[in-house]
Amino acid sequence: MKIVGVTACTTGIAHTYMAQEALEKECRKRGYEFKIETQGGMGIDNELTEGEIADADAVILAIAIGIEGEERFDEKRDQGKVLTLDPSAVIKNINDVVNQLEKL
């Protein structure tokens, strides 16, 4: 399974990177391919390409604010392949979140 996503919180510091770390750790544990873009206090890091988004089985938007380039995910959203949650929910319930991604 291949998962891509974006993490972004209101201050762009703690929860952005904590959610990224939780997602990467759980995906690695399950043997999934993954790439998580962060939009935080230091700008956009690890930016997703259109091809990476197109190739993904599921997309996680762990965001508490509007993000740059959200329209990149419109096609996946139309396919029902996007899960949008607050970063704190991802951090607290990472196992359940990845289980939800598997069902998309």
PDB file of N, CA and C in Angstrom:
ATOM      1  N   MET A   1       0.852  -1.177   0.000  1.00  0.00           N
ATOM      2  CA  MET A   1       0.000   0.000   0.000  1.00  0.00           C
ATOM      3  C   MET A   1       0.893   1.235   0.000  1.00  0.00           C
ATOM      4  N   LYS A   2       0.457   2.253  -0.733  1.00  0.00           N
ATOM      5  CA  LYS A   2       1.205   3.503  -0.795  1.00  0.00           C
ATOM      6  C   LYS A   2       0.332   4.634  -0.255  1.00  0.00           C
ATOM      7  N   ILE A   3       0.849   5.319   0.757  1.00  0.00           N
ATOM      8  CA  ILE A   3       0.127   6.416   1.408  1.00  0.00           C
ATOM      9  C   ILE A   3       0.935   7.694   1.261  1.00  0.00           C
ATOM     10  N   VAL A   4       0.250   8.764   0.878  1.00  0.00           N
ATOM     11  CA  VAL A   4       0.862  10.094   0.875  1.00  0.00           C
ATOM     12  C   VAL A   4      -0.018  11.012   1.699  1.00  0.00           C
ATOM     13  N   GLY A   5       0.563  12.123   2.133  1.00  0.00           N
ATOM     14  CA  GLY A   5      -0.238  13.047   2.911  1.00  0.00           C
ATOM     15  C   GLY A   5       0.466  14.344   3.210  1.00  0.00           C
ATOM     16  N   VAL A   6      -0.296  15.208   3.872  1.00  0.00           N
ATOM     17  CA  VAL A   6       0.205  16.511   4.298  1.00  0.00           C
ATOM     18  C   VAL A   6      -0.158  16.679   5.762  1.00  0.00           C
ATOM     19  N   THR A   7       0.786  17.209   6.545  1.00  0.00           N
ATOM     20  CA  THR A   7       0.497  17.573   7.921  1.00  0.00           C
ATOM     21  C   THR A   7       0.711  19.075   8.074  1.00  0.00           C
ATOM     22  N   ALA A   8      -0.197  19.717   8.798  1.00  0.00           N
ATOM     23  CA  ALA A   8      -0.097  21.159   9.050  1.00  0.00           C
ATOM     24  C   ALA A   8      -0.972  21.514  10.248  1.00  0.00           C
ATOM     25  N   CYS A   9      -0.398  22.243  11.198  1.00  0.00           N
ATOM     26  CA  CYS A   9      -1.166  22.684  12.366  1.00  0.00           C
ATOM     27  C   CYS A   9      -1.194  24.206  12.414  1.00  0.00           C
ATOM     28  N   THR A  10      -1.938  24.749  13.330  1.00  0.00           N
ATOM     29  CA  THR A  10      -2.138  26.196  13.371  1.00  0.00           C
ATOM     30  C   THR A  10      -0.852  26.968  13.631  1.00  0.00           C
ATOM     31  N   THR A  11       0.024  26.453  14.478  1.00  0.00           N
ATOM     32  CA  THR A  11       1.281  27.162  14.734  1.00  0.00           C
ATOM     33  C   THR A  11       2.400  26.713  13.812  1.00  0.00           C
ATOM     34  N   GLY A  12       2.210  25.569  13.165  1.00  0.00           N
ATOM     35  CA  GLY A  12       3.203  25.090  12.212  1.00  0.00           C
ATOM     36  C   GLY A  12       4.451  24.529  12.856  1.00  0.00           C
ATOM     37  N   ILE A  13       4.314  24.102  14.089  1.00  0.00           N
ATOM     38  CA  ILE A  13       5.502  23.572  14.767  1.00  0.00           C
ATOM     39  C   ILE A  13       5.221  22.157  15.267  1.00  0.00           C
ATOM     40  N   ALA A  14       4.815  22.032  16.498  1.00  0.00           N
ATOM     41  CA  ALA A  14       4.773  20.729  17.165  1.00  0.00           C
ATOM     42  C   ALA A  14       3.891  19.692  16.473  1.00  0.00           C
ATOM     43  N   HIS A  15       2.590  19.948  16.373  1.00  0.00           N
ATOM     44  CA  HIS A  15       1.677  18.928  15.858  1.00  0.00           C
ATOM     45  C   HIS A  15       1.945  18.574  14.399  1.00  0.00           C
ATOM     46  N   THR A  16       2.425  19.528  13.613  1.00  0.00           N
ATOM     47  CA  THR A  16       2.768  19.233  12.217  1.00  0.00           C
ATOM     48  C   THR A  16       3.770  18.095  12.152  1.00  0.00           C
ATOM     49  N   TYR A  17       4.831  18.213  12.916  1.00  0.00           N
ATOM     50  CA  TYR A  17       5.923  17.246  12.845  1.00  0.00           C
ATOM     51  C   TYR A  17       5.644  15.992  13.671  1.00  0.00           C
ATOM     52  N   MET A  18       4.861  16.122  14.728  1.00  0.00           N
ATOM     53  CA  MET A  18       4.472  14.942  15.506  1.00  0.00           C
ATOM     54  C   MET A  18       3.555  14.039  14.685  1.00  0.00           C
ATOM     55  N   ALA A  19       2.628  14.636  13.942  1.00  0.00           N
ATOM     56  CA  ALA A  19       1.734  13.848  13.081  1.00  0.00           C
ATOM     57  C   ALA A  19       2.525  13.186  11.960  1.00  0.00           C
ATOM     58  N   GLN A  20       3.467  13.924  11.376  1.00  0.00           N
ATOM     59  CA  GLN A  20       4.324  13.343  10.331  1.00  0.00           C
ATOM     60  C   GLN A  20       5.078  12.134  10.882  1.00  0.00           C
ATOM     61  N   GLU A  21       5.681  12.288  12.042  1.00  0.00           N
ATOM     62  CA  GLU A  21       6.452  11.208  12.639  1.00  0.00           C
ATOM     63  C   GLU A  21       5.582   9.989  12.946  1.00  0.00           C
ATOM     64  N   ALA A  22       4.385  10.220  13.480  1.00  0.00           N
ATOM     65  CA  ALA A  22       3.480   9.114  13.794  1.00  0.00           C
ATOM     66  C   ALA A  22       3.079   8.353  12.531  1.00  0.00           C
ATOM     67  N   LEU A  23       2.741   9.089  11.474  1.00  0.00           N
ATOM     68  CA  LEU A  23       2.352   8.450  10.207  1.00  0.00           C
ATOM     69  C   LEU A  23       3.506   7.648   9.614  1.00  0.00           C
ATOM     70  N   GLU A  24       4.682   8.238   9.589  1.00  0.00           N
ATOM     71  CA  GLU A  24       5.835   7.549   9.009  1.00  0.00           C
ATOM     72  C   GLU A  24       6.187   6.292   9.798  1.00  0.00           C
ATOM     73  N   LYS A  25       6.140   6.385  11.110  1.00  0.00           N
ATOM     74  CA  LYS A  25       6.469   5.243  11.960  1.00  0.00           C
ATOM     75  C   LYS A  25       5.480   4.095  11.746  1.00  0.00           C
ATOM     76  N   GLU A  26       4.182   4.416  11.715  1.00  0.00           N
ATOM     77  CA  GLU A  26       3.169   3.372  11.541  1.00  0.00           C
ATOM     78  C   GLU A  26       3.231   2.763  10.141  1.00  0.00           C
ATOM     79  N   CYS A  27       3.435   3.585   9.122  1.00  0.00           N
ATOM     80  CA  CYS A  27       3.548   3.058   7.757  1.00  0.00           C
ATOM     81  C   CYS A  27       4.775   2.161   7.620  1.00  0.00           C
ATOM     82  N   ARG A  28       5.882   2.578   8.215  1.00  0.00           N
ATOM     83  CA  ARG A  28       7.103   1.779   8.178  1.00  0.00           C
ATOM     84  C   ARG A  28       6.866   0.435   8.871  1.00  0.00           C
ATOM     85  N   LYS A  29       6.186   0.470  10.011  1.00  0.00           N
ATOM     86  CA  LYS A  29       5.882  -0.743  10.778  1.00  0.00           C
ATOM     87  C   LYS A  29       5.059  -1.726   9.946  1.00  0.00           C
ATOM     88  N   ARG A  30       4.145  -1.196   9.131  1.00  0.00           N
ATOM     89  CA  ARG A  30       3.271  -2.057   8.321  1.00  0.00           C
ATOM     90  C   ARG A  30       3.874  -2.400   6.961  1.00  0.00           C
ATOM     91  N   GLY A  31       5.035  -1.852   6.661  1.00  0.00           N
ATOM     92  CA  GLY A  31       5.693  -2.146   5.389  1.00  0.00           C
ATOM     93  C   GLY A  31       5.114  -1.397   4.205  1.00  0.00           C
ATOM     94  N   TYR A  32       4.471  -0.268   4.455  1.00  0.00           N
ATOM     95  CA  TYR A  32       3.856   0.520   3.385  1.00  0.00           C
ATOM     96  C   TYR A  32       4.837   1.537   2.820  1.00  0.00           C
ATOM     97  N   GLU A  33       4.649   1.869   1.558  1.00  0.00           N
ATOM     98  CA  GLU A  33       5.348   2.997   0.960  1.00  0.00           C
ATOM     99  C   GLU A  33       4.642   4.256   1.436  1.00  0.00           C
ATOM    100  N   PHE A  34       5.402   5.323   1.678  1.00  0.00           N
ATOM    101  CA  PHE A  34       4.779   6.547   2.168  1.00  0.00           C
ATOM    102  C   PHE A  34       5.642   7.757   1.851  1.00  0.00           C
ATOM    103  N   LYS A  35       4.986   8.883   1.811  1.00  0.00           N
ATOM    104  CA  LYS A  35       5.673  10.175   1.744  1.00  0.00           C
ATOM    105  C   LYS A  35       4.733  11.194   2.376  1.00  0.00           C
ATOM    106  N   ILE A  36       5.241  11.908   3.363  1.00  0.00           N
ATOM    107  CA  ILE A  36       4.447  12.891   4.077  1.00  0.00           C
ATOM    108  C   ILE A  36       5.070  14.274   3.898  1.00  0.00           C
ATOM    109  N   GLU A  37       4.303  15.161   3.327  1.00  0.00           N
ATOM    110  CA  GLU A  37       4.705  16.562   3.163  1.00  0.00           C
ATOM    111  C   GLU A  37       4.324  17.327   4.424  1.00  0.00           C
ATOM    112  N   THR A  38       5.187  18.220   4.867  1.00  0.00           N
ATOM    113  CA  THR A  38       4.833  19.086   5.992  1.00  0.00           C
ATOM    114  C   THR A  38       4.715  20.521   5.501  1.00  0.00           C
ATOM    115  N   GLN A  39       3.735  21.208   6.038  1.00  0.00           N
ATOM    116  CA  GLN A  39       3.589  22.643   5.799  1.00  0.00           C
ATOM    117  C   GLN A  39       3.596  23.272   7.180  1.00  0.00           C
ATOM    118  N   GLY A  40       4.777  23.685   7.597  1.00  0.00           N
ATOM    119  CA  GLY A  40       4.941  24.172   8.952  1.00  0.00           C
ATOM    120  C   GLY A  40       5.644  25.507   9.024  1.00  0.00           C
ATOM    121  N   GLY A  41       6.202  25.761  10.187  1.00  0.00           N
ATOM    122  CA  GLY A  41       6.874  27.015  10.448  1.00  0.00           C
ATOM    123  C   GLY A  41       8.055  27.269   9.532  1.00  0.00           C
ATOM    124  N   MET A  42       8.607  26.209   8.952  1.00  0.00           N
ATOM    125  CA  MET A  42       9.747  26.351   8.043  1.00  0.00           C
ATOM    126  C   MET A  42       9.323  26.254   6.582  1.00  0.00           C
ATOM    127  N   GLY A  43       8.032  26.425   6.313  1.00  0.00           N
ATOM    128  CA  GLY A  43       7.537  26.351   4.939  1.00  0.00           C
ATOM    129  C   GLY A  43       7.145  24.933   4.562  1.00  0.00           C
ATOM    130  N   ILE A  44       7.137  24.665   3.262  1.00  0.00           N
ATOM    131  CA  ILE A  44       6.789  23.335   2.747  1.00  0.00           C
ATOM    132  C   ILE A  44       8.056  22.498   2.671  1.00  0.00           C
ATOM    133  N   ASP A  45       7.992  21.309   3.236  1.00  0.00           N
ATOM    134  CA  ASP A  45       9.124  20.396   3.217  1.00  0.00           C
ATOM    135  C   ASP A  45       8.647  19.045   2.705  1.00  0.00           C
ATOM    136  N   ASN A  46       9.497  18.373   1.924  1.00  0.00           N
ATOM    137  CA  ASN A  46       9.183  17.044   1.401  1.00  0.00           C
ATOM    138  C   ASN A  46       7.947  17.107   0.484  1.00  0.00           C
ATOM    139  N   GLU A  47       7.898  18.120  -0.359  1.00  0.00           N
ATOM    140  CA  GLU A  47       6.718  18.391  -1.194  1.00  0.00           C
ATOM    141  C   GLU A  47       6.361  17.216  -2.099  1.00  0.00           C
ATOM    142  N   LEU A  48       5.086  16.881  -2.116  1.00  0.00           N
ATOM    143  CA  LEU A  48       4.569  15.795  -2.952  1.00  0.00           C
ATOM    144  C   LEU A  48       4.470  16.246  -4.402  1.00  0.00           C
ATOM    145  N   THR A  49       4.789  15.342  -5.307  1.00  0.00           N
ATOM    146  CA  THR A  49       4.627  15.623  -6.733  1.00  0.00           C
ATOM    147  C   THR A  49       3.252  15.132  -7.188  1.00  0.00           C
ATOM    148  N   GLU A  50       2.821  15.612  -8.329  1.00  0.00           N
ATOM    149  CA  GLU A  50       1.551  15.147  -8.900  1.00  0.00           C
ATOM    150  C   GLU A  50       1.586  13.631  -9.118  1.00  0.00           C
ATOM    151  N   GLY A  51       2.716  13.115  -9.578  1.00  0.00           N
ATOM    152  CA  GLY A  51       2.851  11.680  -9.817  1.00  0.00           C
ATOM    153  C   GLY A  51       2.739  10.861  -8.552  1.00  0.00           C
ATOM    154  N   GLU A  52       3.349  11.340  -7.468  1.00  0.00           N
ATOM    155  CA  GLU A  52       3.267  10.622  -6.196  1.00  0.00           C
ATOM    156  C   GLU A  52       1.830  10.582  -5.691  1.00  0.00           C
ATOM    157  N   ILE A  53       1.131  11.684  -5.864  1.00  0.00           N
ATOM    158  CA  ILE A  53      -0.275  11.734  -5.449  1.00  0.00           C
ATOM    159  C   ILE A  53      -1.108  10.783  -6.305  1.00  0.00           C
ATOM    160  N   ALA A  54      -0.891  10.816  -7.606  1.00  0.00           N
ATOM    161  CA  ALA A  54      -1.651   9.955  -8.520  1.00  0.00           C
ATOM    162  C   ALA A  54      -1.424   8.474  -8.233  1.00  0.00           C
ATOM    163  N   ASP A  55      -0.194   8.112  -7.847  1.00  0.00           N
ATOM    164  CA  ASP A  55       0.148   6.705  -7.601  1.00  0.00           C
ATOM    165  C   ASP A  55      -0.302   6.194  -6.240  1.00  0.00           C
ATOM    166  N   ALA A  56      -0.721   7.087  -5.357  1.00  0.00           N
ATOM    167  CA  ALA A  56      -1.062   6.692  -3.987  1.00  0.00           C
ATOM    168  C   ALA A  56      -2.378   5.928  -3.927  1.00  0.00           C
ATOM    169  N   ASP A  57      -2.428   4.973  -3.013  1.00  0.00           N
ATOM    170  CA  ASP A  57      -3.665   4.246  -2.742  1.00  0.00           C
ATOM    171  C   ASP A  57      -4.586   5.049  -1.838  1.00  0.00           C
ATOM    172  N   ALA A  58      -3.991   5.899  -0.980  1.00  0.00           N
ATOM    173  CA  ALA A  58      -4.771   6.703  -0.044  1.00  0.00           C
ATOM    174  C   ALA A  58      -3.994   7.965   0.308  1.00  0.00           C
ATOM    175  N   VAL A  59      -4.756   9.005   0.668  1.00  0.00           N
ATOM    176  CA  VAL A  59      -4.181  10.291   1.046  1.00  0.00           C
ATOM    177  C   VAL A  59      -4.687  10.665   2.429  1.00  0.00           C
ATOM    178  N   ILE A  60      -3.774  11.107   3.285  1.00  0.00           N
ATOM    179  CA  ILE A  60      -4.147  11.620   4.598  1.00  0.00           C
ATOM    180  C   ILE A  60      -3.813  13.113   4.644  1.00  0.00           C
ATOM    181  N   LEU A  61      -4.805  13.908   4.968  1.00  0.00           N
ATOM    182  CA  LEU A  61      -4.590  15.331   5.193  1.00  0.00           C
ATOM    183  C   LEU A  61      -4.788  15.554   6.685  1.00  0.00           C
ATOM    184  N   ALA A  62      -3.678  15.595   7.408  1.00  0.00           N
ATOM    185  CA  ALA A  62      -3.697  15.823   8.854  1.00  0.00           C
ATOM    186  C   ALA A  62      -3.474  17.312   9.052  1.00  0.00           C
ATOM    187  N   ILE A  63      -4.557  18.074   8.878  1.00  0.00           N
ATOM    188  CA  ILE A  63      -4.433  19.532   8.814  1.00  0.00           C
ATOM    189  C   ILE A  63      -5.438  20.218   9.739  1.00  0.00           C
ATOM    190  N   ALA A  64      -4.973  21.302  10.343  1.00  0.00           N
ATOM    191  CA  ALA A  64      -5.843  22.116  11.188  1.00  0.00           C
ATOM    192  C   ALA A  64      -6.010  23.508  10.590  1.00  0.00           C
ATOM    193  N   ILE A  65      -5.401  23.706   9.427  1.00  0.00           N
ATOM    194  CA  ILE A  65      -5.457  24.988   8.715  1.00  0.00           C
ATOM    195  C   ILE A  65      -5.573  24.707   7.231  1.00  0.00           C
ATOM    196  N   GLY A  66      -5.862  25.762   6.447  1.00  0.00           N
ATOM    197  CA  GLY A  66      -5.822  25.617   5.004  1.00  0.00           C
ATOM    198  C   GLY A  66      -4.380  25.404   4.568  1.00  0.00           C
ATOM    199  N   ILE A  67      -4.180  24.595   3.549  1.00  0.00           N
ATOM    200  CA  ILE A  67      -2.828  24.324   3.077  1.00  0.00           C
ATOM    201  C   ILE A  67      -2.642  24.809   1.651  1.00  0.00           C
ATOM    202  N   GLU A  68      -1.405  25.040   1.288  1.00  0.00           N
ATOM    203  CA  GLU A  68      -1.085  25.412  -0.083  1.00  0.00           C
ATOM    204  C   GLU A  68      -1.230  24.186  -0.975  1.00  0.00           C
ATOM    205  N   GLY A  69      -1.844  24.359  -2.118  1.00  0.00           N
ATOM    206  CA  GLY A  69      -1.944  23.289  -3.095  1.00  0.00           C
ATOM    207  C   GLY A  69      -2.955  22.207  -2.769  1.00  0.00           C
ATOM    208  N   GLU A  70      -3.956  22.534  -1.966  1.00  0.00           N
ATOM    209  CA  GLU A  70      -4.937  21.501  -1.599  1.00  0.00           C
ATOM    210  C   GLU A  70      -5.674  20.950  -2.823  1.00  0.00           C
ATOM    211  N   GLU A  71      -5.774  21.752  -3.876  1.00  0.00           N
ATOM    212  CA  GLU A  71      -6.456  21.293  -5.094  1.00  0.00           C
ATOM    213  C   GLU A  71      -5.741  20.111  -5.738  1.00  0.00           C
ATOM    214  N   ARG A  72      -4.485  19.872  -5.395  1.00  0.00           N
ATOM    215  CA  ARG A  72      -3.746  18.713  -5.934  1.00  0.00           C
ATOM    216  C   ARG A  72      -4.442  17.404  -5.587  1.00  0.00           C
ATOM    217  N   PHE A  73      -5.252  17.416  -4.536  1.00  0.00           N
ATOM    218  CA  PHE A  73      -5.884  16.197  -4.039  1.00  0.00           C
ATOM    219  C   PHE A  73      -7.327  16.037  -4.500  1.00  0.00           C
ATOM    220  N   ASP A  74      -7.813  16.926  -5.354  1.00  0.00           N
ATOM    221  CA  ASP A  74      -9.213  16.896  -5.785  1.00  0.00           C
ATOM    222  C   ASP A  74      -9.599  15.578  -6.452  1.00  0.00           C
ATOM    223  N   GLU A  75      -8.749  15.062  -7.331  1.00  0.00           N
ATOM    224  CA  GLU A  75      -9.080  13.812  -8.026  1.00  0.00           C
ATOM    225  C   GLU A  75      -9.175  12.650  -7.036  1.00  0.00           C
ATOM    226  N   LYS A  76      -8.240  12.571  -6.109  1.00  0.00           N
ATOM    227  CA  LYS A  76      -8.279  11.514  -5.087  1.00  0.00           C
ATOM    228  C   LYS A  76      -9.499  11.696  -4.181  1.00  0.00           C
ATOM    229  N   ARG A  77      -9.841  12.937  -3.881  1.00  0.00           N
ATOM    230  CA  ARG A  77     -11.023  13.213  -3.053  1.00  0.00           C
ATOM    231  C   ARG A  77     -12.278  12.724  -3.779  1.00  0.00           C
ATOM    232  N   ASP A  78     -12.372  12.995  -5.087  1.00  0.00           N
ATOM    233  CA  ASP A  78     -13.515  12.544  -5.888  1.00  0.00           C
ATOM    234  C   ASP A  78     -13.620  11.014  -5.905  1.00  0.00           C
ATOM    235  N   GLN A  79     -12.482  10.342  -5.767  1.00  0.00           N
ATOM    236  CA  GLN A  79     -12.456   8.874  -5.753  1.00  0.00           C
ATOM    237  C   GLN A  79     -12.721   8.304  -4.355  1.00  0.00           C
ATOM    238  N   GLY A  80     -12.885   9.183  -3.372  1.00  0.00           N
ATOM    239  CA  GLY A  80     -13.098   8.724  -2.004  1.00  0.00           C
ATOM    240  C   GLY A  80     -11.840   8.204  -1.345  1.00  0.00           C
ATOM    241  N   LYS A  81     -10.692   8.695  -1.775  1.00  0.00           N
ATOM    242  CA  LYS A  81      -9.401   8.197  -1.292  1.00  0.00           C
ATOM    243  C   LYS A  81      -8.679   9.179  -0.371  1.00  0.00           C
ATOM    244  N   VAL A  82      -9.397  10.193   0.152  1.00  0.00           N
ATOM    245  CA  VAL A  82      -8.774  11.193   1.018  1.00  0.00           C
ATOM    246  C   VAL A  82      -9.439  11.166   2.388  1.00  0.00           C
ATOM    247  N   LEU A  83      -8.605  11.075   3.409  1.00  0.00           N
ATOM    248  CA  LEU A  83      -9.057  11.152   4.795  1.00  0.00           C
ATOM    249  C   LEU A  83      -8.496  12.442   5.379  1.00  0.00           C
ATOM    250  N   THR A  84      -9.385  13.305   5.890  1.00  0.00           N
ATOM    251  CA  THR A  84      -8.963  14.574   6.475  1.00  0.00           C
ATOM    252  C   THR A  84      -9.273  14.557   7.970  1.00  0.00           C
ATOM    253  N   LEU A  85      -8.235  14.770   8.758  1.00  0.00           N
ATOM    254  CA  LEU A  85      -8.359  14.764  10.212  1.00  0.00           C
ATOM    255  C   LEU A  85      -7.483  15.860  10.805  1.00  0.00           C
ATOM    256  N   ASP A  86      -7.790  16.232  12.030  1.00  0.00           N
ATOM    257  CA  ASP A  86      -6.927  17.152  12.770  1.00  0.00           C
ATOM    258  C   ASP A  86      -5.628  16.414  13.126  1.00  0.00           C
ATOM    259  N   PRO A  87      -4.500  17.102  13.095  1.00  0.00           N
ATOM    260  CA  PRO A  87      -3.241  16.436  13.436  1.00  0.00           C
ATOM    261  C   PRO A  87      -3.256  15.766  14.815  1.00  0.00           C
ATOM    262  N   SER A  88      -3.934  16.366  15.778  1.00  0.00           N
ATOM    263  CA  SER A  88      -3.969  15.773  17.120  1.00  0.00           C
ATOM    264  C   SER A  88      -4.672  14.418  17.106  1.00  0.00           C
ATOM    265  N   ALA A  89      -5.683  14.252  16.272  1.00  0.00           N
ATOM    266  CA  ALA A  89      -6.376  12.967  16.160  1.00  0.00           C
ATOM    267  C   ALA A  89      -5.447  11.902  15.578  1.00  0.00           C
ATOM    268  N   VAL A  90      -4.609  12.304  14.642  1.00  0.00           N
ATOM    269  CA  VAL A  90      -3.644  11.381  14.041  1.00  0.00           C
ATOM    270  C   VAL A  90      -2.631  10.936  15.090  1.00  0.00           C
ATOM    271  N   ILE A  91      -2.132  11.884  15.858  1.00  0.00           N
ATOM    272  CA  ILE A  91      -1.128  11.580  16.880  1.00  0.00           C
ATOM    273  C   ILE A  91      -1.691  10.633  17.937  1.00  0.00           C
ATOM    274  N   LYS A  92      -2.903  10.898  18.375  1.00  0.00           N
ATOM    275  CA  LYS A  92      -3.509  10.117  19.464  1.00  0.00           C
ATOM    276  C   LYS A  92      -3.979   8.734  19.025  1.00  0.00           C
ATOM    277  N   ASN A  93      -4.381   8.591  17.776  1.00  0.00           N
ATOM    278  CA  ASN A  93      -5.017   7.347  17.308  1.00  0.00           C
ATOM    279  C   ASN A  93      -4.406   6.830  16.014  1.00  0.00           C
ATOM    280  N   ILE A  94      -3.082   6.808  15.919  1.00  0.00           N
ATOM    281  CA  ILE A  94      -2.435   6.490  14.648  1.00  0.00           C
ATOM    282  C   ILE A  94      -2.831   5.121  14.106  1.00  0.00           C
ATOM    283  N   ASN A  95      -2.971   4.122  14.957  1.00  0.00           N
ATOM    284  CA  ASN A  95      -3.351   2.795  14.498  1.00  0.00           C
ATOM    285  C   ASN A  95      -4.722   2.824  13.819  1.00  0.00           C
ATOM    286  N   ASP A  96      -5.689   3.470  14.459  1.00  0.00           N
ATOM    287  CA  ASP A  96      -7.031   3.587  13.877  1.00  0.00           C
ATOM    288  C   ASP A  96      -7.021   4.386  12.585  1.00  0.00           C
ATOM    289  N   VAL A  97      -6.204   5.430  12.541  1.00  0.00           N
ATOM    290  CA  VAL A  97      -6.125   6.275  11.342  1.00  0.00           C
ATOM    291  C   VAL A  97      -5.622   5.464  10.148  1.00  0.00           C
ATOM    292  N   VAL A  98      -4.559   4.707  10.342  1.00  0.00           N
ATOM    293  CA  VAL A  98      -4.028   3.906   9.226  1.00  0.00           C
ATOM    294  C   VAL A  98      -5.013   2.800   8.859  1.00  0.00           C
ATOM    295  N   ASN A  99      -5.713   2.246   9.834  1.00  0.00           N
ATOM    296  CA  ASN A  99      -6.763   1.271   9.512  1.00  0.00           C
ATOM    297  C   ASN A  99      -7.825   1.908   8.621  1.00  0.00           C
ATOM    298  N   GLN A 100      -8.203   3.160   8.910  1.00  0.00           N
ATOM    299  CA  GLN A 100      -9.187   3.870   8.081  1.00  0.00           C
ATOM    300  C   GLN A 100      -8.644   4.075   6.672  1.00  0.00           C
ATOM    301  N   LEU A 101      -7.372   4.417   6.562  1.00  0.00           N
ATOM    302  CA  LEU A 101      -6.755   4.611   5.240  1.00  0.00           C
ATOM    303  C   LEU A 101      -6.785   3.326   4.431  1.00  0.00           C
ATOM    304  N   GLU A 102      -6.588   2.203   5.084  1.00  0.00           N
ATOM    305  CA  GLU A 102      -6.614   0.913   4.391  1.00  0.00           C
ATOM    306  C   GLU A 102      -7.980   0.639   3.784  1.00  0.00           C
ATOM    307  N   LYS A 103      -9.037   1.142   4.405  1.00  0.00           N
ATOM    308  CA  LYS A 103     -10.403   0.876   3.944  1.00  0.00           C
ATOM    309  C   LYS A 103     -10.853   1.792   2.815  1.00  0.00           C
ATOM    310  N   LEU A 104     -10.087   2.842   2.540  1.00  0.00           N
ATOM    311  CA  LEU A 104     -10.505   3.786   1.484  1.00  0.00           C
ATOM    312  C   LEU A 104     -10.418   3.145   0.111  1.00  0.00           C
TER     313      LEU A 104
END
